[in-house]
């Protein structure tokens, strides 16, 4: 690990001094560990003490984003970066009622989907192993395996008197980082990037090509809840919207010289207004894209202040299939601002779950291409704010209990699925059935609360019925098309166009002067 972290360039004297300090510290640690191993009240697990204790503890003294990965976590990281794994293809979650794991939804076209697994199915046995009291990640590991191998899954299903047994052949499961783009209305496209893995820029290109870029008059680019990922992929996505040669981002660190990333290909003259949706959970590579489009006045940023992660991690593979993600540099937007939030004067808990979204560094000010002021120190501040409606007590309780998922599974097992069309909306009859279901399950709510949340309940019922009757993708398109923030964002496209036109005019003027 030290060989991967310590770089060249130190003088002989400094190297000797550092080597002496490191040896002394390692000797002290060895003595402490020996005492712990010999005298602690219970048997000490070396893996737990080192992998879960010593190394993470050391990294926590540095910054919130340097991380150590044990073999399982490192494998998951690589799966996320590559965008695929081998298994059956479904989303699962804990079932509080049964102490087991249940299916949220199988991925469309996956082995689980083709076998007939449905949302709401409770996983009882996997290859004769009971899932009772197993963690969700343990169940997921049982479902994964080499391509072409079989796994037997036994489920309990609402409305079925007996358990159902499925023999499923594992296959490669693609984890799309870009959900299928579609038209919100004629000429207005919508693309949702969920994370940045090795395939993201290609998936964006494929989706835009499928829609036909010549037909796009405006684009809603959704980066909400996007935690980031690979820096190069964030750069590549920003590249396709900028002019060739424009700066996307730059980074520098103690042991690495400044490196600037520029748009290598550019938009090729494909100019249309872009509104970028962000929230407090848009981070890292998502902020690189939002920051580049904002600094060049190429996109209108709509939503909340983003997370504020301006640190770059380099991943070092280590022995025994472990890995280290170490912060090696800070990145700066094209206007030279560092968006990283302060983490040295607060706890890591407050850093991750901050309440103040308005923080910024008044001494770190940049200018966009049209001369607008932008600030560092607090993420990417939106050009237009959107405050999401706050959830109610009843909404939180129904989500925690998976009320809509369980009711929908029960409802569709006792009703004709063919009666559900894409125009279907819950009528008074199904609302009454849902209310009776909640009362039977012991849900605590008043008549006033049910009435207050009625529109939200209708929306959630419609979404969950769509997931069960059609697919996750159909449900997603329905939800997005009726999302108040998305609808408001389409109304902001003229602001994005005005900003874009002004930036283009200034660019032409500068080139003329040159």
Protein backbone atom coordinates (compact mmCIF):
# COMPACT_ATOMS: atom_id res chain seq x y z
CA UNK A 1 0.00 0.00 0.00
CA UNK A 2 2.77 2.45 0.92
CA UNK A 3 4.50 1.78 -2.37
CA UNK A 4 1.41 2.92 -4.21
CA UNK A 5 0.93 6.04 -2.14
CA UNK A 6 4.41 7.51 -1.63
CA UNK A 7 5.63 9.15 -4.81
CA UNK A 8 9.13 10.07 -6.08
CA UNK A 9 10.75 13.48 -5.90
CA UNK A 10 11.81 13.69 -2.24
CA UNK A 11 15.37 14.51 -1.30
CA UNK A 12 17.56 11.81 0.22
CA UNK A 13 17.51 13.52 3.63
CA UNK A 14 13.74 13.88 3.65
CA UNK A 15 13.30 10.29 2.48
CA UNK A 16 15.54 8.98 5.24
CA UNK A 17 13.69 11.01 7.85
CA UNK A 18 10.28 9.86 6.63
CA UNK A 19 11.46 6.24 6.47
CA UNK A 20 12.59 6.42 10.08
CA UNK A 21 9.27 7.88 11.21
CA UNK A 22 7.30 5.26 9.29
CA UNK A 23 9.35 2.39 10.76
CA UNK A 24 8.88 3.77 14.27
CA UNK A 25 5.12 4.11 13.78
CA UNK A 26 4.82 0.59 12.36
CA UNK A 27 6.75 -0.82 15.32
CA UNK A 28 4.39 0.96 17.73
CA UNK A 29 1.37 -0.37 15.89
CA UNK A 30 2.79 -3.91 15.96
CA UNK A 31 3.31 -3.70 19.73
CA UNK A 32 -0.25 -2.47 20.27
CA UNK A 33 -1.67 -5.22 18.07
CA UNK A 34 0.42 -7.90 19.86
CA UNK A 35 -0.90 -6.71 23.23
CA UNK A 36 -4.45 -6.66 21.88
CA UNK A 37 -4.14 -10.16 20.38
CA UNK A 38 -2.68 -11.65 23.57
CA UNK A 39 -4.80 -9.93 26.21
CA UNK A 40 -8.16 -8.85 24.80
CA UNK A 41 -11.12 -10.53 26.50
CA UNK A 42 -12.33 -12.23 23.29
CA UNK A 43 -10.50 -13.82 20.39
CA UNK A 44 -9.27 -11.15 17.98
CA UNK A 45 -9.89 -11.42 14.24
CA UNK A 46 -6.87 -10.01 12.43
CA UNK A 47 -8.96 -9.25 9.33
CA UNK A 48 -11.51 -7.34 11.39
CA UNK A 49 -8.88 -5.46 13.39
CA UNK A 50 -6.89 -4.43 10.32
CA UNK A 51 -9.46 -4.20 7.50
CA UNK A 52 -12.36 -2.86 9.56
CA UNK A 53 -10.41 -0.97 12.20
CA UNK A 54 -6.83 0.16 11.69
CA UNK A 55 -6.84 1.06 7.99
CA UNK A 56 -10.29 2.77 7.90
CA UNK A 57 -9.38 4.57 11.14
CA UNK A 58 -6.20 5.91 9.54
CA UNK A 59 -8.07 7.05 6.43
CA UNK A 60 -10.72 8.84 8.49
CA UNK A 61 -8.01 11.22 9.74
CA UNK A 62 -7.46 12.37 6.14
CA UNK A 63 -10.76 13.18 4.47
CA UNK A 64 -14.31 11.77 4.08
CA UNK A 65 -13.67 10.14 0.70
CA UNK A 66 -10.48 8.09 1.09
CA UNK A 67 -11.70 4.52 1.56
CA UNK A 68 -10.40 0.98 2.03
CA UNK A 69 -12.25 -1.85 0.28
CA UNK A 70 -12.26 -5.39 1.62
CA UNK A 71 -12.48 -8.14 -1.06
CA UNK A 72 -16.27 -8.05 -1.31
CA UNK A 73 -16.52 -4.25 -1.42
CA UNK A 74 -13.68 -4.06 -3.95
CA UNK A 75 -15.48 -6.56 -6.18
CA UNK A 76 -18.67 -4.47 -5.95
CA UNK A 77 -16.71 -1.33 -6.83
CA UNK A 78 -15.30 -3.01 -9.93
CA UNK A 79 -18.77 -4.23 -10.92
CA UNK A 80 -20.11 -0.69 -10.63
CA UNK A 81 -17.27 0.73 -12.71
CA UNK A 82 -17.58 -1.93 -15.41
CA UNK A 83 -21.38 -1.69 -15.49
CA UNK A 84 -22.15 -5.41 -15.35
CA UNK A 85 -22.10 -8.52 -13.19
CA UNK A 86 -23.28 -12.15 -13.42
CA UNK A 87 -26.49 -13.13 -11.68
CA UNK A 88 -30.26 -13.25 -12.12
CA UNK A 89 -31.03 -9.51 -12.39
CA UNK A 90 -33.40 -8.08 -9.83
CA UNK A 91 -33.59 -5.43 -7.12
CA UNK A 92 -34.16 -6.78 -3.61
CA UNK A 93 -34.77 -5.26 -0.18
CA UNK A 94 -35.40 -6.42 3.40
CA UNK A 95 -38.92 -7.63 4.22
CA UNK A 96 -39.61 -6.51 7.77
CA UNK A 97 -42.73 -8.64 8.07
CA UNK A 98 -40.94 -11.91 7.29
CA UNK A 99 -37.30 -11.36 8.33
CA UNK A 100 -36.40 -12.30 4.80
CA UNK A 101 -35.62 -10.54 1.54
CA UNK A 102 -38.24 -9.59 -1.03
CA UNK A 103 -38.15 -8.64 -4.69
CA UNK A 104 -38.65 -4.98 -5.48
CA UNK A 105 -38.60 -5.68 -9.21
CA UNK A 106 -36.79 -7.90 -11.72
CA UNK A 107 -34.87 -6.07 -14.45
CA UNK A 108 -36.71 -6.14 -17.74
CA UNK A 109 -35.36 -8.93 -19.94
CA UNK A 110 -33.22 -10.43 -17.16
CA UNK A 111 -33.19 -14.17 -16.29
CA UNK A 112 -35.35 -13.43 -13.21
CA UNK A 113 -37.84 -11.50 -15.39
CA UNK A 114 -38.02 -14.28 -17.98
CA UNK A 115 -38.43 -16.94 -15.29
CA UNK A 116 -41.53 -15.21 -13.92
CA UNK A 117 -40.25 -13.58 -10.71
CA UNK A 118 -42.57 -10.72 -9.74
CA UNK A 119 -42.37 -7.62 -7.53
CA UNK A 120 -43.40 -8.48 -3.98
CA UNK A 121 -42.19 -12.10 -4.13
CA UNK A 122 -40.51 -13.04 -0.85
CA UNK A 123 -37.34 -15.10 -1.27
CA UNK A 124 -37.65 -18.16 0.99
CA UNK A 125 -34.80 -20.43 -0.17
CA UNK A 126 -31.87 -20.08 -2.56
CA UNK A 127 -30.33 -23.42 -3.52
CA UNK A 128 -32.01 -25.00 -0.46
CA UNK A 129 -30.50 -22.39 1.87
CA UNK A 130 -33.07 -20.51 3.95
CA UNK A 131 -32.95 -16.74 3.62
CA UNK A 132 -34.42 -16.17 7.07
CA UNK A 133 -32.42 -13.52 8.97
CA UNK A 134 -29.90 -13.20 6.12
CA UNK A 135 -28.81 -9.68 5.23
CA UNK A 136 -29.80 -8.39 1.80
CA UNK A 137 -26.17 -8.37 0.64
CA UNK A 138 -25.80 -12.01 1.70
CA UNK A 139 -28.86 -12.92 -0.36
CA UNK A 140 -27.50 -10.96 -3.33
CA UNK A 141 -24.22 -12.89 -3.11
CA UNK A 142 -26.15 -16.20 -3.22
CA UNK A 143 -27.95 -15.10 -6.39
CA UNK A 144 -24.72 -14.15 -8.16
CA UNK A 145 -22.49 -16.70 -9.84
CA UNK A 146 -20.72 -17.66 -13.07
CA UNK A 147 -22.54 -17.17 -16.34
CA UNK A 148 -24.52 -20.23 -17.41
CA UNK A 149 -24.83 -21.76 -13.95
CA UNK A 150 -28.24 -22.41 -12.42
CA UNK A 151 -29.69 -21.21 -9.14
CA UNK A 152 -32.92 -22.52 -7.61
CA UNK A 153 -35.09 -19.85 -6.05
CA UNK A 154 -38.14 -20.59 -3.90
CA UNK A 155 -40.54 -17.68 -3.32
CA UNK A 156 -43.69 -16.96 -1.37
CA UNK A 157 -46.25 -14.97 -3.37
CA UNK A 158 -49.38 -13.14 -2.23
CA UNK A 159 -52.44 -15.09 -3.35
CA UNK A 160 -50.55 -18.34 -3.94
CA UNK A 161 -51.31 -21.08 -1.37
CA UNK A 162 -47.94 -22.77 -1.86
CA UNK A 163 -44.40 -21.62 -2.42
CA UNK A 164 -43.26 -21.32 -6.04
CA UNK A 165 -39.95 -22.78 -7.25
CA UNK A 166 -37.92 -21.28 -10.13
CA UNK A 167 -34.76 -22.64 -11.72
CA UNK A 168 -32.93 -19.63 -13.14
CA UNK A 169 -29.83 -19.66 -15.37
CA UNK A 170 -27.43 -16.88 -14.43
CA UNK A 171 -26.33 -14.49 -17.16
CA UNK A 172 -24.49 -11.22 -17.60
CA UNK A 173 -26.55 -8.41 -16.07
CA UNK A 174 -25.91 -4.98 -17.50
CA UNK A 175 -26.18 -2.13 -15.03
CA UNK A 176 -27.21 0.78 -17.20
CA UNK A 177 -25.86 4.08 -15.93
CA UNK A 178 -28.11 5.95 -18.36
CA UNK A 179 -31.79 5.14 -18.35
CA UNK A 180 -33.59 5.03 -21.71
CA UNK A 181 -34.05 8.56 -23.04
CA UNK A 182 -37.51 9.55 -24.24
CA UNK A 183 -39.55 12.51 -25.42
CA UNK A 184 -41.32 14.51 -22.71
CA UNK A 185 -43.16 16.29 -25.51
CA UNK A 186 -42.36 16.82 -29.19
CA UNK A 187 -38.81 18.17 -29.47
CA UNK A 188 -38.09 18.02 -25.72
CA UNK A 189 -35.86 15.07 -24.76
CA UNK A 190 -35.16 13.68 -21.30
CA UNK A 191 -32.02 11.80 -20.26
CA UNK A 192 -31.31 10.49 -16.76
CA UNK A 193 -27.70 9.66 -15.84
CA UNK A 194 -27.68 7.66 -12.60
CA UNK A 195 -23.89 7.31 -12.21
CA UNK A 196 -20.69 7.48 -14.24
CA UNK A 197 -19.20 4.09 -15.10
CA UNK A 198 -17.08 2.87 -18.00
CA UNK A 199 -20.06 2.89 -20.39
CA UNK A 200 -21.76 6.19 -19.52
CA UNK A 201 -20.59 8.43 -22.36
CA UNK A 202 -21.32 5.67 -24.90
CA UNK A 203 -24.79 5.15 -23.41
CA UNK A 204 -25.50 8.90 -23.64
CA UNK A 205 -24.39 8.89 -27.29
CA UNK A 206 -26.48 5.81 -28.06
CA UNK A 207 -29.60 7.30 -26.49
CA UNK A 208 -29.27 10.64 -28.27
CA UNK A 209 -28.58 8.87 -31.56
CA UNK A 210 -31.66 6.68 -31.05
CA UNK A 211 -33.88 9.74 -30.52
CA UNK A 212 -32.28 11.56 -33.44
CA UNK A 213 -30.28 14.57 -32.29
CA UNK A 214 -31.50 16.68 -35.21
CA UNK A 215 -34.99 16.43 -33.70
CA UNK A 216 -33.95 17.76 -30.27
CA UNK A 217 -35.09 21.33 -29.61
CA UNK A 218 -34.37 21.18 -25.89
CA UNK A 219 -32.90 18.67 -23.43
CA UNK A 220 -33.59 17.95 -19.76
CA UNK A 221 -30.42 16.31 -18.36
CA UNK A 222 -31.23 14.71 -15.01
CA UNK A 223 -28.28 14.38 -12.61
CA UNK A 224 -30.35 14.17 -9.42
CA UNK A 225 -29.11 11.59 -6.88
CA UNK A 226 -26.09 10.88 -9.12
CA UNK A 227 -23.17 10.08 -6.76
CA UNK A 228 -20.55 10.44 -9.50
CA UNK A 229 -18.06 7.80 -10.55
CA UNK A 230 -15.31 7.88 -13.16
CA UNK A 231 -13.87 11.33 -13.85
CA UNK A 232 -13.01 10.52 -17.49
CA UNK A 233 -16.62 9.60 -18.18
CA UNK A 234 -17.87 12.84 -16.64
CA UNK A 235 -15.44 14.71 -18.89
CA UNK A 236 -16.64 12.77 -21.95
CA UNK A 237 -20.30 13.57 -21.24
CA UNK A 238 -19.58 17.29 -20.80
CA UNK A 239 -17.44 17.18 -23.97
CA UNK A 240 -20.39 16.40 -26.27
CA UNK A 241 -22.24 19.59 -25.20
CA UNK A 242 -19.29 22.03 -25.27
CA UNK A 243 -17.27 23.56 -28.09
CA UNK A 244 -14.09 21.77 -29.05
CA UNK A 245 -11.18 23.07 -26.99
CA UNK A 246 -13.25 24.42 -24.11
CA UNK A 247 -12.01 23.46 -20.64
CA UNK A 248 -14.09 20.83 -18.85
CA UNK A 249 -12.18 20.52 -15.57
CA UNK A 250 -8.65 20.55 -14.19
CA UNK A 251 -7.10 18.92 -11.15
CA UNK A 252 -3.86 19.06 -9.19
CA UNK A 253 -2.42 17.46 -6.07
CA UNK A 254 0.73 17.37 -3.97
CA UNK A 255 2.23 14.48 -5.92
CA UNK A 256 0.56 15.13 -9.27
CA UNK A 257 1.03 18.12 -11.58
CA UNK A 258 -1.93 20.14 -12.77
CA UNK A 259 -3.83 18.39 -15.55
CA UNK A 260 -6.42 20.13 -17.69
CA UNK A 261 -9.17 18.29 -19.54
CA UNK A 262 -10.56 19.94 -22.66
CA UNK A 263 -13.41 19.05 -24.98
CA UNK A 264 -11.65 16.90 -27.56
CA UNK A 265 -14.60 16.33 -29.90
CA UNK A 266 -17.08 19.06 -29.02
CA UNK A 267 -20.74 19.33 -29.92
CA UNK A 268 -20.12 19.38 -33.66
CA UNK A 269 -22.50 22.30 -34.10
CA UNK A 270 -25.37 20.49 -32.36
CA UNK A 271 -26.65 23.43 -30.31
CA UNK A 272 -29.87 23.27 -28.30
CA UNK A 273 -30.79 24.55 -24.82
CA UNK A 274 -30.06 22.24 -21.90
CA UNK A 275 -31.57 22.34 -18.41
CA UNK A 276 -29.59 20.30 -15.89
CA UNK A 277 -31.49 18.90 -12.89
CA UNK A 278 -29.43 18.62 -9.68
CA UNK A 279 -30.03 18.13 -5.99
CA UNK A 280 -28.02 17.82 -2.77
CA UNK A 281 -27.06 14.25 -3.72
CA UNK A 282 -25.54 15.15 -7.10
CA UNK A 283 -21.82 14.69 -6.48
CA UNK A 284 -18.33 14.31 -7.93
CA UNK A 285 -18.44 13.55 -11.68
CA UNK A 286 -22.04 14.82 -11.78
CA UNK A 287 -20.74 18.13 -10.41
CA UNK A 288 -17.97 18.16 -13.03
CA UNK A 289 -20.62 18.02 -15.77
CA UNK A 290 -22.90 20.59 -14.10
CA UNK A 291 -19.94 22.89 -13.32
CA UNK A 292 -18.57 22.78 -16.87
CA UNK A 293 -21.97 23.49 -18.44
CA UNK A 294 -22.63 26.30 -15.95
CA UNK A 295 -19.22 27.98 -16.29
CA UNK A 296 -19.52 28.00 -20.08
CA UNK A 297 -23.19 29.09 -19.88
CA UNK A 298 -24.04 25.98 -21.87
CA UNK A 299 -26.68 24.71 -19.45
CA UNK A 300 -29.23 26.19 -17.04
CA UNK A 301 -28.73 24.52 -13.65
CA UNK A 302 -32.04 23.83 -11.91
CA UNK A 303 -32.64 22.44 -8.40
CA UNK A 304 -30.65 22.50 -5.16
CA UNK A 305 -27.01 23.12 -4.32
CA UNK A 306 -25.09 19.98 -5.19
CA UNK A 307 -23.13 17.88 -2.68
CA UNK A 308 -19.82 19.73 -2.93
CA UNK A 309 -17.21 17.02 -3.60
CA UNK A 310 -14.15 18.46 -5.29
CA UNK A 311 -11.69 15.70 -4.36
CA UNK A 312 -10.31 13.15 -6.81
CA UNK A 313 -9.61 9.58 -5.68
CA UNK A 314 -7.11 7.23 -7.28
CA UNK A 315 -7.91 3.53 -6.80
CA UNK A 316 -4.93 1.32 -5.90
CA UNK A 317 -5.44 -2.48 -6.11
CA UNK A 318 -3.79 -4.19 -3.12
CA UNK A 319 -3.05 -7.77 -2.10
CA UNK A 320 -5.75 -10.32 -1.28
CA UNK A 321 -8.23 -8.66 -3.68
CA UNK A 322 -8.50 -5.53 -1.55
CA UNK A 323 -8.22 -1.94 -2.72
CA UNK A 324 -7.63 1.62 -1.61
CA UNK A 325 -9.34 4.73 -2.94
CA UNK A 326 -7.04 7.58 -1.90
CA UNK A 327 -7.63 11.29 -2.42
CA UNK A 328 -4.72 12.39 -4.61
CA UNK A 329 -5.94 15.69 -6.06
CA UNK A 330 -8.52 18.47 -5.98
CA UNK A 331 -10.45 19.43 -9.07
CA UNK A 332 -11.42 22.90 -10.28
CA UNK A 333 -14.21 23.96 -12.64
CA UNK A 334 -13.37 25.95 -15.80
CA UNK A 335 -13.77 29.24 -13.86
CA UNK A 336 -11.08 27.92 -11.47
CA UNK A 337 -13.33 27.42 -8.43
CA UNK A 338 -12.95 24.59 -5.96
CA UNK A 339 -16.44 23.37 -5.06
CA UNK A 340 -15.30 21.11 -2.19
CA UNK A 341 -17.15 21.78 1.07
CA UNK A 342 -15.31 22.16 4.36
CA UNK A 343 -14.87 18.83 6.14
CA UNK A 344 -12.16 19.75 8.64
CA UNK A 345 -14.38 21.76 10.95
CA UNK A 346 -17.33 19.39 11.16
CA UNK A 347 -18.07 15.74 11.86
CA UNK A 348 -18.28 13.29 8.97
CA UNK A 349 -21.95 12.74 9.88
CA UNK A 350 -22.76 16.44 9.50
CA UNK A 351 -20.65 16.54 6.35
CA UNK A 352 -22.69 13.83 4.66
CA UNK A 353 -26.08 14.83 6.06
CA UNK A 354 -25.71 18.60 6.05
CA UNK A 355 -28.72 20.81 6.60
CA UNK A 356 -27.23 24.06 5.30
CA UNK A 357 -27.30 23.98 1.51
CA UNK A 358 -26.32 27.61 1.08
CA UNK A 359 -22.66 27.45 2.17
CA UNK A 360 -20.09 28.97 -0.18
CA UNK A 361 -16.61 30.45 -0.05
CA UNK A 362 -16.89 34.18 -0.73
CA UNK A 363 -13.13 34.29 -1.36
CA UNK A 364 -13.40 31.71 -4.14
CA UNK A 365 -15.27 33.51 -6.88
CA UNK A 366 -15.21 32.74 -10.58
CA UNK A 367 -16.86 34.16 -13.69
CA UNK A 368 -18.84 32.30 -16.30
CA UNK A 369 -18.26 32.99 -20.00
CA UNK A 370 -20.97 35.67 -19.95
CA UNK A 371 -19.63 37.28 -16.75
CA UNK A 372 -21.94 35.77 -14.14
CA UNK A 373 -20.40 35.27 -10.69
CA UNK A 374 -20.11 31.73 -9.37
CA UNK A 375 -18.62 30.59 -6.08
CA UNK A 376 -16.66 27.65 -4.71
CA UNK A 377 -16.81 25.98 -1.32
CA UNK A 378 -20.36 24.71 -1.45
CA UNK A 379 -21.01 22.59 -4.50
CA UNK A 380 -22.66 23.91 -7.67
CA UNK A 381 -25.32 26.50 -6.81
CA UNK A 382 -28.27 26.30 -9.22
CA UNK A 383 -29.16 29.14 -11.56
CA UNK A 384 -32.76 28.55 -10.52
CA UNK A 385 -33.74 26.96 -7.24
CA UNK A 386 -36.35 24.28 -6.78
CA UNK A 387 -37.40 23.20 -3.33
CA UNK A 388 -38.84 19.69 -3.34
CA UNK A 389 -42.05 19.27 -1.33
CA UNK A 390 -41.39 17.79 2.09
CA UNK A 391 -42.77 14.34 2.75
CA UNK A 392 -45.36 13.75 5.43
CA UNK A 393 -45.33 11.35 8.37
CA UNK A 394 -47.78 9.09 6.59
CA UNK A 395 -45.71 9.02 3.40
CA UNK A 396 -42.58 8.01 5.31
CA UNK A 397 -44.46 5.24 7.15
CA UNK A 398 -45.96 3.79 3.94
CA UNK A 399 -42.58 3.78 2.21
CA UNK A 400 -40.85 2.08 5.13
CA UNK A 401 -43.46 -0.65 5.18
CA UNK A 402 -43.45 -1.19 1.39
CA UNK A 403 -47.21 -0.69 1.50
CA UNK A 404 -47.63 0.06 -2.21
CA UNK A 405 -45.43 -2.83 -3.34
CA UNK A 406 -47.19 -5.39 -1.14
CA UNK A 407 -50.69 -4.13 -1.96
CA UNK A 408 -50.01 -4.06 -5.71
CA UNK A 409 -48.66 -7.61 -5.69
CA UNK A 410 -51.76 -8.78 -3.82
CA UNK A 411 -54.13 -6.79 -6.04
CA UNK A 412 -52.71 -8.06 -9.34
CA UNK A 413 -52.75 -11.65 -8.14
CA UNK A 414 -56.51 -11.41 -7.66
CA UNK A 415 -57.44 -9.17 -10.63
CA UNK A 416 -57.10 -9.41 -14.39
CA UNK A 417 -53.74 -7.93 -15.41
CA UNK A 418 -55.05 -7.39 -18.96
CA UNK A 419 -57.43 -4.77 -17.59
CA UNK A 420 -54.44 -2.57 -16.71
CA UNK A 421 -53.62 -0.26 -19.61
CA UNK A 422 -51.07 2.55 -19.82
CA UNK A 423 -53.93 5.03 -19.27
CA UNK A 424 -54.92 3.30 -16.03
CA UNK A 425 -55.39 5.45 -12.93
CA UNK A 426 -56.63 4.33 -9.49
CA UNK A 427 -60.40 4.75 -9.14
CA UNK A 428 -62.35 5.14 -5.91
CA UNK A 429 -62.77 1.39 -5.63
CA UNK A 430 -59.04 0.67 -5.55
CA UNK A 431 -58.47 3.58 -3.16
CA UNK A 432 -61.02 2.05 -0.79
CA UNK A 433 -59.34 -1.35 -1.14
CA UNK A 434 -55.96 0.23 -0.37
CA UNK A 435 -57.32 1.98 2.72
CA UNK A 436 -58.78 -1.29 4.01
CA UNK A 437 -55.48 -3.03 3.31
CA UNK A 438 -53.61 -0.42 5.39
CA UNK A 439 -56.05 -0.79 8.28
CA UNK A 440 -55.71 -4.58 8.15
CA UNK A 441 -51.91 -4.24 8.25
CA UNK A 442 -52.14 -2.01 11.32
CA UNK A 443 -51.04 1.23 9.66
CA UNK A 444 -51.63 4.28 11.85
CA UNK A 445 -53.26 7.24 10.07
CA UNK A 446 -56.27 9.49 10.34
CA UNK A 447 -58.97 10.12 7.76
CA UNK A 448 -57.62 13.65 7.42
CA UNK A 449 -54.12 12.33 6.68
CA UNK A 450 -55.44 9.95 4.03
CA UNK A 451 -57.31 12.81 2.34
CA UNK A 452 -54.30 15.14 2.62
CA UNK A 453 -52.06 12.59 0.89
CA UNK A 454 -54.64 11.38 -1.64
CA UNK A 455 -52.95 12.71 -4.80
CA UNK A 456 -49.60 11.31 -3.67
CA UNK A 457 -51.23 7.94 -2.86
CA UNK A 458 -52.78 7.80 -6.35
CA UNK A 459 -49.39 8.51 -7.92
CA UNK A 460 -47.62 5.81 -5.90
CA UNK A 461 -50.34 3.24 -6.58
CA UNK A 462 -50.16 3.95 -10.29
CA UNK A 463 -46.37 3.65 -10.29
CA UNK A 464 -46.32 0.35 -8.40
CA UNK A 465 -49.11 -1.17 -10.52
CA UNK A 466 -47.14 -0.17 -13.64
CA UNK A 467 -43.98 -1.85 -12.27
CA UNK A 468 -45.91 -5.04 -11.63
CA UNK A 469 -48.12 -5.06 -14.72
CA UNK A 470 -45.56 -3.73 -17.22
CA UNK A 471 -41.97 -2.97 -16.18
CA UNK A 472 -39.77 -0.66 -14.15
CA UNK A 473 -39.05 1.30 -17.31
CA UNK A 474 -42.73 1.96 -18.04
CA UNK A 475 -43.27 3.04 -14.45
CA UNK A 476 -40.23 5.34 -14.58
CA UNK A 477 -41.43 7.10 -17.73
CA UNK A 478 -44.85 7.62 -16.19
CA UNK A 479 -43.35 9.09 -13.00
CA UNK A 480 -40.90 11.35 -14.85
CA UNK A 481 -43.59 12.66 -17.20
CA UNK A 482 -45.68 13.79 -14.21
CA UNK A 483 -42.77 14.95 -11.99
CA UNK A 484 -43.45 18.61 -10.98
CA UNK A 485 -39.72 19.41 -11.05
CA UNK A 486 -39.31 18.01 -14.56
CA UNK A 487 -42.38 19.90 -15.77
CA UNK A 488 -41.05 23.13 -14.26
CA UNK A 489 -37.66 22.48 -15.83
CA UNK A 490 -39.22 22.31 -19.30
CA UNK A 491 -40.67 25.77 -18.62
CA UNK A 492 -37.10 26.97 -17.95
CA UNK A 493 -35.79 25.93 -21.37
CA UNK A 494 -36.29 29.50 -22.75
CA UNK A 495 -33.94 30.75 -19.99
CA UNK A 496 -31.37 28.16 -21.04
CA UNK A 497 -31.74 29.28 -24.66
CA UNK A 498 -31.33 32.95 -23.77
CA UNK A 499 -28.16 32.14 -21.82
CA UNK A 500 -26.84 29.97 -24.63
CA UNK A 501 -27.52 32.63 -27.28
CA UNK A 502 -25.70 35.25 -25.23
CA UNK A 503 -22.69 32.97 -24.76
CA UNK A 504 -22.59 32.21 -28.50
CA UNK A 505 -22.72 35.89 -29.38
CA UNK A 506 -19.83 36.71 -27.04
CA UNK A 507 -17.84 33.79 -28.44
CA UNK A 508 -18.32 35.08 -32.01
CA UNK A 509 -17.28 38.58 -30.93
CA UNK A 510 -14.09 37.31 -29.27
CA UNK A 511 -13.16 35.24 -32.31
CA UNK A 512 -13.76 38.25 -34.56
CA UNK A 513 -11.46 40.41 -32.41
CA UNK A 514 -8.82 37.69 -32.42
